[in-house]
Amino acid sequence: MSKTPITVAYGDGIGPEIMNAVLKILDAAGAELEIDEIMIGEKLYLKGVENGIDPSAWDLLRKTKIFLKAPITTPRGGGYKSLNVTVRKAFGLYANVRPCISYRPFIRTKHPDMDVVIIRENEEDLYSGIEHRQTDQVYQCLKLFSRPGCEKIIRYAFEYAMEYNRKKVSCFTKDNIMKITDGLFHKVFNEIAAEYPEIETDSWIVDIGSARLADTPERFDVIVTPNLYGDIISDIAAQITGSVGLAGSSNIGEHLAMFEAIHGSAPDIAGKNIANPSGLLLAAVMMLVHIHQVEIAAKVHNAWLRTIEEGFHTADIYEQGISKRRVGTSEFADAVIAHLGETPHELREAHYYFPKKLTGTHKQKPKDEKILVGVDVFIDWDKGLPDDIGKMLDEISTDQLKLKVITNRGIKVYPEGLPETFCTDHWRCRFWSGSWQKVEKDEIVKLLNKINAAGFDFIKTENLYTFNGEIGFSEVHG
């Protein structure tokens, strides 16, 4: 077998320890890998590399198309960009796949039958990273969804369920509140679900869905969800299996696949030989399946299962009365190597076969008719009450645009707002034609000139559009 080129990054904190352990196991198992190393993480950040990755690494990643990555430390604040987000978005790694499985009775958990795969959209949502400080008091983060992005991840989830003989796909959103963004995700889920009648489906508001996942995870099989929710619930799901240190993940795109543990770099225990390499090892098993070294994948996975059964446990999962021997990172690796060629006695044996290439596709559709019907003008103003700014803006209009409503943090304060509503210095002022009729863009320019001439500090505008006659913006609370 010819060797498969892969790119490896040792990362920060416990990263080098667990990567050494994993590569030692893969080598002992006979994995045919040609390894190239790149530098990422904290040292580069502190040298002024904003995204934490050596610029020369991009060409290597393009060449190998496979990236096994240990966790890194991203310094807080200071404009540092998340390396994970950068790589995921730069290479279009739209699907994050996180299996969460219980290993009872060998690892304590309240959920012995848990076997859930969380498929998380990986590029959009609040992770677009577009944030602004707009006034002295108010900050914003933009939540961006696209129809192609929703279609790709949802179709991938259904294709995954078909490929791995999963019976149900569940959708988690918050579309009772975010009716346009999360509403799009839910709508696309329903559209694509109709193409897979053999797969059972259900949909959950993310808060109660997360509660049910934490309480009765056995009712779920595959969960597909937007980026932020997926990030949170996959950590919860991993932890309730016994430890977040047990979970690996894959990040799948058309141009690259990245494999990693879901936990962080844990600098507080770095260098102490106590970290659990299991998450990164199981990510490496996913990598071996992806590159079609399926026999080696099964060999490593089954040796790991047998090691867990034998009670060789690192500190995070060690428990008196269940575990037999508390081991460090390197000793755990040695125990897995000693069990290569064995299969588990009680846990379910791992079997792998050449998987088909799963793709998340999206379909082109005719563009909707888009008509400009108004504008929201955001104003920084701290000189009085809602009625004061409202009466001043009532005097400002153009032939087509007149003040309809003013909100503060999304709630109506003018006209006829409630006096108890707490207001900041951030006002959304909606101007419209009176009946959602077409507005010329020149009218918005005229309006902004008048607002500016009146001494107001406008900080942002959002044009209001209808699409095929349906409004493409949220109505006003209150």
Protein backbone atom coordinates (compact mmCIF):
# COMPACT_ATOMS: atom_id res chain seq x y z
CA MET A 1 0.00 0.00 0.00
CA SER A 2 1.37 3.42 -0.91
CA LYS A 3 1.55 5.92 1.87
CA THR A 4 -1.08 8.62 2.15
CA PRO A 5 0.32 12.13 2.68
CA ILE A 6 -1.21 13.96 5.63
CA THR A 7 -0.48 17.23 7.38
CA VAL A 8 -0.01 17.14 11.15
CA ALA A 9 0.02 19.99 13.67
CA TYR A 10 1.11 19.34 17.26
CA GLY A 11 -0.64 22.39 18.65
CA ASP A 12 -0.33 23.90 22.12
CA GLY A 13 -0.80 22.85 25.74
CA ILE A 14 -1.43 19.11 25.85
CA GLY A 15 -1.38 18.99 22.04
CA PRO A 16 2.18 17.68 21.58
CA GLU A 17 1.70 14.96 24.22
CA ILE A 18 -1.52 13.57 22.82
CA MET A 19 -0.32 13.86 19.21
CA ASN A 20 2.84 11.91 20.03
CA ALA A 21 0.69 9.23 21.68
CA VAL A 22 -1.67 9.02 18.70
CA LEU A 23 1.06 8.87 16.06
CA LYS A 24 2.85 6.17 18.07
CA ILE A 25 -0.34 4.07 18.05
CA LEU A 26 -0.97 4.64 14.34
CA ASP A 27 2.59 3.64 13.51
CA ALA A 28 2.36 0.49 15.60
CA ALA A 29 -0.93 -0.42 13.91
CA GLY A 30 0.67 -0.20 10.48
CA ALA A 31 -0.99 2.96 9.20
CA GLU A 32 0.55 3.95 5.87
CA LEU A 33 1.06 7.68 6.37
CA GLU A 34 3.51 10.18 4.96
CA ILE A 35 3.54 12.94 7.56
CA ASP A 36 4.36 16.59 6.99
CA GLU A 37 4.31 18.88 10.01
CA ILE A 38 3.19 22.49 10.16
CA MET A 39 3.35 25.02 12.96
CA ILE A 40 0.15 26.54 14.30
CA GLY A 41 -1.12 28.16 17.43
CA GLU A 42 -0.06 30.36 20.29
CA LYS A 43 3.60 30.89 19.38
CA LEU A 44 2.62 32.22 15.96
CA TYR A 45 -0.15 34.39 17.39
CA LEU A 46 2.32 35.98 19.76
CA LYS A 47 4.73 36.60 16.88
CA GLY A 48 2.04 38.68 15.20
CA VAL A 49 0.54 36.08 12.86
CA GLU A 50 -3.10 37.09 13.17
CA ASN A 51 -4.69 33.77 12.23
CA GLY A 52 -2.18 31.54 14.06
CA ILE A 53 -0.95 29.50 11.07
CA ASP A 54 2.33 29.68 9.19
CA PRO A 55 1.62 31.21 5.75
CA SER A 56 3.58 28.41 4.08
CA ALA A 57 1.17 25.86 5.55
CA TRP A 58 -1.64 26.69 3.14
CA ASP A 59 0.13 25.13 0.16
CA LEU A 60 0.91 21.98 2.15
CA LEU A 61 -2.72 21.63 3.20
CA ARG A 62 -3.80 22.06 -0.42
CA LYS A 63 -1.36 19.30 -1.39
CA THR A 64 -2.22 16.68 1.23
CA LYS A 65 -5.92 17.54 1.64
CA ILE A 66 -5.83 15.77 5.03
CA PHE A 67 -5.15 17.62 8.30
CA LEU A 68 -4.75 15.92 11.70
CA LYS A 69 -4.70 18.73 14.22
CA ALA A 70 -4.04 18.83 17.94
CA PRO A 71 -5.78 21.53 20.01
CA ILE A 72 -4.30 25.01 20.13
CA THR A 73 -4.44 28.02 22.42
CA THR A 74 -5.94 31.18 20.94
CA PRO A 75 -4.99 34.21 23.07
CA ARG A 76 -8.08 36.02 24.28
CA GLY A 77 -8.87 39.50 23.00
CA GLY A 78 -6.42 41.54 20.99
CA GLY A 79 -7.94 40.78 17.59
CA TYR A 80 -6.71 37.19 17.38
CA LYS A 81 -8.72 35.14 14.90
CA SER A 82 -9.72 31.55 15.65
CA LEU A 83 -7.53 29.21 13.61
CA ASN A 84 -10.28 26.60 13.54
CA VAL A 85 -12.76 29.07 12.08
CA THR A 86 -10.14 30.35 9.61
CA VAL A 87 -9.31 26.86 8.27
CA ARG A 88 -12.94 25.77 8.18
CA LYS A 89 -14.02 28.82 6.22
CA ALA A 90 -10.95 29.15 3.99
CA PHE A 91 -11.27 25.55 2.77
CA GLY A 92 -15.06 25.33 2.88
CA LEU A 93 -15.21 22.68 5.62
CA TYR A 94 -18.95 23.00 5.90
CA ALA A 95 -19.70 19.81 7.90
CA ASN A 96 -18.52 19.13 11.44
CA VAL A 97 -19.27 15.53 12.44
CA ARG A 98 -19.10 14.52 16.10
CA PRO A 99 -20.07 11.00 17.22
CA CYS A 100 -20.97 10.80 20.92
CA ILE A 101 -21.16 7.23 22.25
CA SER A 102 -21.48 5.78 25.75
CA TYR A 103 -19.08 3.07 26.95
CA ARG A 104 -20.92 1.86 30.03
CA PRO A 105 -20.21 -0.09 32.22
CA PHE A 106 -16.53 0.71 31.70
CA ILE A 107 -16.96 4.49 31.86
CA ARG A 108 -19.61 5.89 34.16
CA THR A 109 -22.57 7.52 32.45
CA LYS A 110 -26.28 7.84 33.16
CA HIS A 111 -27.01 7.03 29.52
CA PRO A 112 -25.80 3.53 28.61
CA ASP A 113 -27.63 3.43 25.27
CA MET A 114 -26.41 6.77 23.92
CA ASP A 115 -25.16 6.73 20.34
CA VAL A 116 -25.69 10.15 18.77
CA VAL A 117 -23.97 11.84 15.85
CA ILE A 118 -24.14 15.64 15.82
CA ILE A 119 -23.66 17.21 12.40
CA ARG A 120 -23.00 20.90 12.76
CA GLU A 121 -22.96 23.57 10.07
CA ASN A 122 -19.40 24.83 10.15
CA GLU A 123 -19.03 28.09 8.20
CA GLU A 124 -21.92 30.46 8.87
CA ASP A 125 -24.11 31.73 11.72
CA LEU A 126 -22.54 33.98 14.35
CA TYR A 127 -19.18 32.39 13.53
CA SER A 128 -18.98 34.64 10.50
CA GLY A 129 -17.08 36.80 12.97
CA ILE A 130 -18.60 40.10 11.84
CA GLU A 131 -18.88 42.24 14.95
CA HIS A 132 -19.04 45.97 15.60
CA ARG A 133 -19.16 48.36 18.49
CA GLN A 134 -21.76 50.82 17.28
CA THR A 135 -22.31 53.20 20.19
CA ASP A 136 -20.89 53.81 23.62
CA GLN A 137 -23.26 51.19 25.00
CA VAL A 138 -24.19 48.78 22.20
CA TYR A 139 -22.24 46.07 20.39
CA GLN A 140 -23.48 43.76 17.62
CA CYS A 141 -22.61 40.42 16.05
CA LEU A 142 -24.14 39.51 12.69
CA LYS A 143 -25.85 36.13 12.31
CA LEU A 144 -25.55 35.14 8.65
CA PHE A 145 -27.30 32.16 7.06
CA SER A 146 -27.36 31.31 3.36
CA ARG A 147 -29.67 28.94 1.53
CA PRO A 148 -26.73 27.08 -0.07
CA GLY A 149 -25.07 26.74 3.35
CA CYS A 150 -28.24 25.31 4.89
CA GLU A 151 -28.82 22.96 1.97
CA LYS A 152 -25.27 21.60 2.02
CA ILE A 153 -25.18 20.67 5.70
CA ILE A 154 -28.72 19.29 5.83
CA ARG A 155 -28.26 17.15 2.72
CA TYR A 156 -24.93 15.92 4.15
CA ALA A 157 -26.74 14.87 7.33
CA PHE A 158 -29.27 12.83 5.40
CA GLU A 159 -26.59 11.29 3.20
CA TYR A 160 -24.62 10.41 6.36
CA ALA A 161 -27.68 8.74 7.85
CA MET A 162 -28.17 6.69 4.70
CA GLU A 163 -24.51 5.68 4.47
CA TYR A 164 -24.19 4.64 8.12
CA ASN A 165 -27.61 3.02 8.46
CA ARG A 166 -28.98 5.64 10.82
CA LYS A 167 -32.74 5.75 11.18
CA LYS A 168 -33.59 9.32 12.14
CA VAL A 169 -32.39 12.89 11.58
CA SER A 170 -33.44 15.61 14.04
CA CYS A 171 -33.26 19.35 13.36
CA PHE A 172 -32.43 21.80 16.17
CA THR A 173 -33.16 25.52 15.64
CA LYS A 174 -34.57 28.54 17.45
CA ASP A 175 -36.98 29.57 14.71
CA ASN A 176 -39.72 30.55 17.14
CA ILE A 177 -37.59 33.66 17.82
CA MET A 178 -35.23 34.03 14.83
CA LYS A 179 -37.90 33.43 12.24
CA ILE A 180 -35.87 34.47 9.20
CA THR A 181 -32.43 32.95 9.82
CA ASP A 182 -33.28 29.84 11.85
CA GLY A 183 -36.56 29.79 9.97
CA LEU A 184 -34.63 29.29 6.73
CA PHE A 185 -32.70 26.37 8.23
CA HIS A 186 -35.91 24.68 9.37
CA LYS A 187 -37.63 25.32 6.04
CA VAL A 188 -34.74 23.81 4.08
CA PHE A 189 -34.69 20.84 6.49
CA ASN A 190 -38.34 20.13 5.69
CA GLU A 191 -37.69 20.45 1.95
CA ILE A 192 -34.76 18.04 1.95
CA ALA A 193 -36.40 15.60 4.39
CA ALA A 194 -39.10 15.04 1.77
CA GLU A 195 -36.41 13.60 -0.54
CA TYR A 196 -35.52 10.89 2.03
CA PRO A 197 -38.85 9.26 2.98
CA GLU A 198 -37.06 6.24 4.47
CA ILE A 199 -35.47 8.42 7.16
CA GLU A 200 -37.57 9.39 10.18
CA THR A 201 -37.37 13.10 11.06
CA ASP A 202 -38.35 15.47 13.81
CA SER A 203 -37.62 19.10 14.70
CA TRP A 204 -36.87 20.70 18.04
CA ILE A 205 -36.52 24.18 19.43
CA VAL A 206 -32.90 24.08 20.53
CA ASP A 207 -33.51 24.79 24.23
CA ILE A 208 -35.96 21.95 24.86
CA GLY A 209 -34.12 19.76 22.35
CA SER A 210 -30.89 20.25 24.31
CA ALA A 211 -32.71 19.43 27.55
CA ARG A 212 -34.06 16.22 26.03
CA LEU A 213 -30.62 15.37 24.64
CA ALA A 214 -29.10 15.75 28.11
CA ASP A 215 -31.90 13.72 29.73
CA THR A 216 -32.78 11.03 27.18
CA PRO A 217 -30.11 11.02 24.44
CA GLU A 218 -31.21 7.57 23.29
CA ARG A 219 -34.22 9.17 21.56
CA PHE A 220 -31.82 10.86 19.10
CA ASP A 221 -29.78 9.37 16.28
CA VAL A 222 -28.39 12.09 13.97
CA ILE A 223 -28.84 15.76 14.89
CA VAL A 224 -28.27 18.51 12.32
CA THR A 225 -28.07 22.07 13.54
CA PRO A 226 -26.59 25.52 12.86
CA ASN A 227 -23.07 26.38 13.91
CA LEU A 228 -23.43 27.89 17.40
CA TYR A 229 -25.98 25.39 18.68
CA GLY A 230 -23.91 22.53 17.31
CA ASP A 231 -20.80 23.76 19.05
CA ILE A 232 -22.57 23.86 22.40
CA ILE A 233 -24.65 20.69 22.26
CA SER A 234 -21.84 18.53 20.88
CA ASP A 235 -19.73 19.36 23.94
CA ILE A 236 -22.69 18.62 26.20
CA ALA A 237 -23.36 15.35 24.40
CA ALA A 238 -19.70 14.32 24.61
CA GLN A 239 -19.52 15.10 28.30
CA ILE A 240 -22.59 13.06 29.21
CA THR A 241 -21.08 10.01 27.52
CA GLY A 242 -18.48 10.11 30.28
CA SER A 243 -15.93 12.74 29.29
CA VAL A 244 -15.46 15.42 26.66
CA GLY A 245 -11.97 13.92 26.31
CA LEU A 246 -13.42 10.88 24.53
CA ALA A 247 -14.85 12.66 21.51
CA GLY A 248 -13.19 13.16 18.16
CA SER A 249 -14.55 15.09 15.22
CA SER A 250 -14.13 15.48 11.50
CA ASN A 251 -14.52 18.66 9.46
CA ILE A 252 -15.46 17.80 5.90
CA GLY A 253 -15.33 19.91 2.75
CA GLU A 254 -14.73 19.51 -0.95
CA HIS A 255 -11.06 20.54 -0.77
CA LEU A 256 -9.82 19.39 2.65
CA ALA A 257 -10.78 17.24 5.62
CA MET A 258 -9.60 18.18 9.12
CA PHE A 259 -9.66 15.79 12.08
CA GLU A 260 -9.35 16.86 15.70
CA ALA A 261 -10.43 16.27 19.28
CA ILE A 262 -13.25 18.51 20.40
CA HIS A 263 -11.58 19.61 23.63
CA GLY A 264 -9.18 22.49 24.10
CA SER A 265 -5.46 22.68 24.75
CA ALA A 266 -5.77 22.46 28.59
CA PRO A 267 -2.55 24.37 29.34
CA ASP A 268 -3.05 23.81 33.08
CA ILE A 269 -2.20 20.11 32.70
CA ALA A 270 0.29 20.40 29.85
CA GLY A 271 3.55 18.52 30.34
CA LYS A 272 2.18 16.41 33.21
CA ASN A 273 1.55 13.21 31.19
CA ILE A 274 -2.05 13.01 32.40
CA ALA A 275 -4.07 14.11 29.34
CA ASN A 276 -6.41 11.67 27.64
CA PRO A 277 -5.40 11.14 23.97
CA SER A 278 -8.67 9.32 23.18
CA GLY A 279 -10.44 12.21 21.47
CA LEU A 280 -7.59 12.80 19.06
CA LEU A 281 -7.12 9.05 18.56
CA LEU A 282 -10.78 8.55 17.62
CA ALA A 283 -10.49 11.55 15.29
CA ALA A 284 -7.52 9.77 13.71
CA VAL A 285 -9.70 6.66 13.29
CA MET A 286 -12.20 8.84 11.40
CA MET A 287 -9.28 10.08 9.30
CA LEU A 288 -8.19 6.51 8.49
CA VAL A 289 -11.70 5.68 7.33
CA HIS A 290 -11.77 8.83 5.22
CA ILE A 291 -8.53 7.87 3.44
CA HIS A 292 -9.78 4.27 3.01
CA GLN A 293 -7.34 2.62 5.44
CA VAL A 294 -10.37 0.93 6.95
CA GLU A 295 -8.69 -2.21 8.26
CA ILE A 296 -6.19 -0.13 10.23
CA ALA A 297 -9.04 2.07 11.47
CA ALA A 298 -10.89 -0.95 12.84
CA LYS A 299 -7.69 -2.37 14.33
CA VAL A 300 -6.94 0.85 16.22
CA HIS A 301 -10.53 1.43 17.30
CA ASN A 302 -10.97 -2.12 18.61
CA ALA A 303 -7.67 -1.97 20.48
CA TRP A 304 -8.85 1.26 22.09
CA LEU A 305 -12.18 -0.35 23.06
CA ARG A 306 -10.36 -3.34 24.55
CA THR A 307 -8.10 -0.99 26.52
CA ILE A 308 -11.13 0.79 27.92
CA GLU A 309 -12.69 -2.57 28.85
CA GLU A 310 -9.49 -3.61 30.60
CA GLY A 311 -9.78 -0.56 32.84
CA PHE A 312 -6.65 1.31 31.71
CA HIS A 313 -8.03 4.81 32.24
CA THR A 314 -6.56 8.31 32.29
CA ALA A 315 -7.41 10.69 35.13
CA ASP A 316 -10.47 12.25 33.47
CA ILE A 317 -12.33 8.92 33.32
CA TYR A 318 -10.69 7.04 36.20
CA GLU A 319 -13.10 6.01 38.91
CA GLN A 320 -12.59 3.77 41.92
CA GLY A 321 -14.52 0.53 41.55
CA ILE A 322 -14.81 0.81 37.75
CA SER A 323 -11.28 1.50 36.53
CA LYS A 324 -8.48 -0.97 37.19
CA ARG A 325 -5.42 1.15 36.60
CA ARG A 326 -4.85 4.88 36.44
CA VAL A 327 -2.44 5.64 33.60
CA GLY A 328 -0.84 8.66 32.02
CA THR A 329 -0.89 9.73 28.39
CA SER A 330 2.07 7.66 27.25
CA GLU A 331 1.08 4.61 29.32
CA PHE A 332 -2.40 4.71 27.81
CA ALA A 333 -0.86 4.72 24.34
CA ASP A 334 1.28 1.75 25.28
CA ALA A 335 -1.80 -0.10 26.54
CA VAL A 336 -3.63 0.50 23.26
CA ILE A 337 -0.60 -0.76 21.33
CA ALA A 338 -0.50 -3.87 23.53
CA HIS A 339 -4.12 -4.61 22.57
CA LEU A 340 -3.68 -4.20 18.81
CA GLY A 341 -5.16 -7.20 17.06
CA GLU A 342 -7.74 -7.78 19.81
CA THR A 343 -11.44 -7.03 19.75
CA PRO A 344 -13.68 -5.91 22.60
CA HIS A 345 -15.45 -8.55 24.70
CA GLU A 346 -18.51 -6.53 25.72
CA LEU A 347 -18.51 -3.24 23.83
CA ARG A 348 -19.64 -3.27 20.23
CA GLU A 349 -16.83 -4.23 17.87
CA ALA A 350 -15.88 -1.60 15.30
CA HIS A 351 -16.25 -2.52 11.63
CA TYR A 352 -15.41 -0.21 8.74
CA TYR A 353 -15.75 -0.42 4.98
CA PHE A 354 -14.85 1.87 2.12
CA PRO A 355 -17.27 4.75 2.50
CA LYS A 356 -18.68 6.54 -0.47
CA LYS A 357 -17.79 10.20 -0.71
CA LEU A 358 -20.54 12.11 1.05
CA THR A 359 -21.33 15.49 -0.40
CA GLY A 360 -23.62 18.24 0.68
CA THR A 361 -25.03 19.70 -2.49
CA HIS A 362 -27.29 22.63 -3.08
CA LYS A 363 -29.59 23.30 -6.00
CA GLN A 364 -29.73 26.49 -7.98
CA LYS A 365 -33.16 28.06 -8.01
CA PRO A 366 -34.58 31.04 -9.90
CA LYS A 367 -33.82 34.31 -8.17
CA ASP A 368 -36.73 35.88 -6.31
CA GLU A 369 -37.95 39.29 -7.37
CA LYS A 370 -36.30 41.74 -4.98
CA ILE A 371 -37.91 45.14 -4.37
CA LEU A 372 -36.61 47.91 -2.12
CA VAL A 373 -39.45 49.14 0.12
CA GLY A 374 -37.79 51.05 2.95
CA VAL A 375 -34.79 51.44 5.19
CA ASP A 376 -33.83 50.98 8.82
CA VAL A 377 -31.52 53.76 9.96
CA PHE A 378 -29.59 53.10 13.18
CA ILE A 379 -28.78 56.19 15.19
CA ASP A 380 -26.46 56.84 18.14
CA TRP A 381 -28.40 59.27 20.35
CA ASP A 382 -28.48 59.86 24.11
CA LYS A 383 -30.16 63.24 24.50
CA GLY A 384 -33.65 62.38 25.71
CA LEU A 385 -36.64 60.07 25.74
CA PRO A 386 -38.12 58.05 22.86
CA ASP A 387 -40.80 60.67 22.24
CA ASP A 388 -38.10 63.32 21.86
CA ILE A 389 -36.19 61.53 19.09
CA GLY A 390 -39.47 60.38 17.55
CA LYS A 391 -40.90 63.88 17.22
CA MET A 392 -37.66 65.17 15.69
CA LEU A 393 -37.51 62.34 13.14
CA ASP A 394 -41.21 62.77 12.32
CA GLU A 395 -40.16 66.08 10.78
CA ILE A 396 -37.66 64.36 8.49
CA SER A 397 -38.96 62.62 5.39
CA THR A 398 -38.68 62.41 1.63
CA ASP A 399 -41.31 61.99 -1.05
CA GLN A 400 -41.28 58.23 -0.56
CA LEU A 401 -39.93 57.64 2.94
CA LYS A 402 -41.57 58.56 6.24
CA LEU A 403 -40.91 57.41 9.79
CA LYS A 404 -42.92 54.33 10.67
CA VAL A 405 -41.53 53.15 14.00
CA ILE A 406 -38.52 53.43 16.32
CA THR A 407 -37.17 50.52 18.32
CA ASN A 408 -34.52 50.23 21.01
CA ARG A 409 -32.81 46.84 21.26
CA GLY A 410 -35.60 45.47 19.09
CA ILE A 411 -38.65 46.63 21.07
CA LYS A 412 -40.94 49.40 19.86
CA VAL A 413 -40.54 52.65 21.80
CA TYR A 414 -42.17 55.12 19.36
CA PRO A 415 -44.95 55.80 18.65
CA GLU A 416 -46.78 54.71 21.80
CA GLY A 417 -44.03 52.73 23.43
CA LEU A 418 -44.24 51.61 27.04
CA PRO A 419 -42.69 54.05 29.54
CA GLU A 420 -41.10 51.16 31.49
CA THR A 421 -38.92 50.03 28.56
CA PHE A 422 -35.23 50.51 29.31
CA CYS A 423 -33.47 52.33 26.47
CA THR A 424 -29.83 52.53 25.45
CA ASP A 425 -28.18 54.97 23.04
CA HIS A 426 -28.91 52.74 20.03
CA TRP A 427 -32.09 53.44 18.02
CA ARG A 428 -33.44 51.64 14.96
CA CYS A 429 -35.59 54.08 12.97
CA ARG A 430 -37.70 52.48 10.24
CA PHE A 431 -38.67 54.62 7.25
CA TRP A 432 -41.10 53.32 4.63
CA SER A 433 -43.42 54.35 1.83
CA GLY A 434 -46.59 53.55 3.73
CA SER A 435 -47.58 50.34 1.98
CA TRP A 436 -44.38 48.51 1.07
CA GLN A 437 -44.27 50.11 -2.37
CA LYS A 438 -41.04 50.29 -4.36
CA VAL A 439 -38.57 52.94 -3.20
CA GLU A 440 -35.72 54.37 -5.27
CA LYS A 441 -32.25 54.22 -3.70
CA ASP A 442 -31.84 57.95 -4.34
CA GLU A 443 -34.58 58.45 -1.75
CA ILE A 444 -32.45 56.74 0.90
CA VAL A 445 -29.52 59.00 0.08
CA LYS A 446 -31.79 62.05 0.40
CA LEU A 447 -33.10 60.78 3.72
CA LEU A 448 -29.63 60.20 5.13
CA ASN A 449 -28.56 63.68 4.07
CA LYS A 450 -31.52 65.14 5.95
CA ILE A 451 -30.80 63.04 9.05
CA ASN A 452 -27.19 64.13 8.95
CA ALA A 453 -28.14 67.79 8.48
CA ALA A 454 -30.38 67.55 11.54
CA GLY A 455 -27.34 66.61 13.64
CA PHE A 456 -28.01 62.92 14.11
CA ASP A 457 -25.17 60.37 14.10
CA PHE A 458 -26.37 57.54 11.87
CA ILE A 459 -24.14 54.49 12.34
CA LYS A 460 -25.65 51.90 10.05
CA THR A 461 -28.43 51.33 7.54
CA GLU A 462 -30.25 48.19 6.50
CA ASN A 463 -32.29 48.31 3.32
CA LEU A 464 -35.70 46.65 3.57
CA TYR A 465 -36.69 44.38 0.69
CA THR A 466 -39.55 42.17 -0.31
CA PHE A 467 -38.85 38.95 -2.20
CA ASN A 468 -41.63 37.74 -4.47
CA GLY A 469 -43.96 39.96 -2.48
CA GLU A 470 -42.99 38.58 0.96
CA ILE A 471 -41.12 40.82 3.40
CA GLY A 472 -37.50 39.90 3.88
CA PHE A 473 -37.05 41.46 7.31
CA SER A 474 -38.44 41.07 10.81
CA GLU A 475 -41.46 43.00 11.93
CA VAL A 476 -41.23 44.98 15.16
CA HIS A 477 -41.83 43.53 18.62
CA GLY A 478 -44.47 45.47 20.50
